C-alpha atoms as a PDB file:
ATOM      1  CA  MET A   1      -1.841 -41.413 121.669  1.00  0.00           C
ATOM      2  CA  THR A   2       0.993 -41.180 124.195  1.00  0.00           C
ATOM      3  CA  THR A   3       3.151 -38.049 124.163  1.00  0.00           C
ATOM      4  CA  HIS A   4       6.819 -38.512 125.057  1.00  0.00           C
ATOM      5  CA  TYR A   5       9.248 -35.783 126.071  1.00  0.00           C
ATOM      6  CA  ASN A   6      12.626 -35.883 124.316  1.00  0.00           C
ATOM      7  CA  PRO A   7      14.915 -32.946 125.224  1.00  0.00           C
ATOM      8  CA  ALA A   8      17.258 -33.795 122.307  1.00  0.00           C
ATOM      9  CA  ILE A   9      14.560 -32.838 119.812  1.00  0.00           C
ATOM     10  CA  SER A  10      13.269 -29.307 119.735  1.00  0.00           C
ATOM     11  CA  GLU A  11      11.401 -27.167 117.260  1.00  0.00           C
ATOM     12  CA  GLU A  12      12.120 -23.526 116.477  1.00  0.00           C
ATOM     13  CA  PRO A  13      10.078 -21.129 114.351  1.00  0.00           C
ATOM     14  CA  ARG A  14      11.303 -21.128 110.751  1.00  0.00           C
ATOM     15  CA  TYR A  15      12.532 -17.533 110.679  1.00  0.00           C
ATOM     16  CA  GLN A  16      14.004 -17.415 114.186  1.00  0.00           C
ATOM     17  CA  VAL A  17      17.801 -17.389 114.419  1.00  0.00           C
ATOM     18  CA  THR A  18      18.950 -20.393 116.442  1.00  0.00           C
ATOM     19  CA  GLN A  19      21.849 -20.621 118.851  1.00  0.00           C
ATOM     20  CA  SER A  20      24.963 -22.477 117.776  1.00  0.00           C
ATOM     21  CA  ILE A  21      26.513 -25.265 119.822  1.00  0.00           C
ATOM     22  CA  GLU A  22      30.042 -24.566 121.008  1.00  0.00           C
ATOM     23  CA  ARG A  23      32.526 -27.374 120.495  1.00  0.00           C
ATOM     24  CA  GLU A  24      34.669 -28.398 123.439  1.00  0.00           C
ATOM     25  CA  THR A  25      37.723 -29.087 121.283  1.00  0.00           C
ATOM     26  CA  LYS A  26      39.053 -27.735 118.014  1.00  0.00           C
ATOM     27  CA  GLU A  27      39.590 -31.265 116.653  1.00  0.00           C
ATOM     28  CA  SER A  28      38.920 -31.746 112.934  1.00  0.00           C
ATOM     29  CA  ILE A  29      36.594 -34.459 111.658  1.00  0.00           C
ATOM     30  CA  LEU A  30      39.603 -36.335 110.258  1.00  0.00           C
ATOM     31  CA  ASP A  31      41.416 -36.205 113.611  1.00  0.00           C
ATOM     32  CA  TRP A  32      38.255 -37.432 115.357  1.00  0.00           C
ATOM     33  CA  LEU A  33      37.762 -40.337 112.937  1.00  0.00           C
ATOM     34  CA  ASP A  34      41.428 -41.296 113.321  1.00  0.00           C
ATOM     35  CA  SER A  35      41.223 -41.167 117.129  1.00  0.00           C
ATOM     36  CA  ILE A  36      38.275 -43.597 117.202  1.00  0.00           C
ATOM     37  CA  GLY A  37      39.796 -45.919 114.604  1.00  0.00           C
ATOM     38  CA  ARG A  38      37.254 -45.149 111.876  1.00  0.00           C
ATOM     39  CA  LEU A  39      39.483 -43.269 109.420  1.00  0.00           C
ATOM     40  CA  VAL A  40      39.786 -45.260 106.200  1.00  0.00           C
ATOM     41  CA  VAL A  41      42.708 -44.248 104.013  1.00  0.00           C
ATOM     42  CA  PRO A  42      42.268 -45.300 100.366  1.00  0.00           C
ATOM     43  CA  SER A  43      45.061 -47.426  98.962  1.00  0.00           C
ATOM     44  CA  HIS A  44      46.720 -46.279  95.743  1.00  0.00           C
ATOM     45  CA  ARG A  45      46.695 -48.848  92.941  1.00  0.00           C
END
């Protein structure tokens, strides 16, 4: 079996507190979806 190294995947012990990832911007998820053209606004019937 070949073992591959992937730095994006890591494993931490179950009861160890993990570090949080700081966001670069304070943009909301709705603002982000709108900025990339993926925000779908439901139409009222």
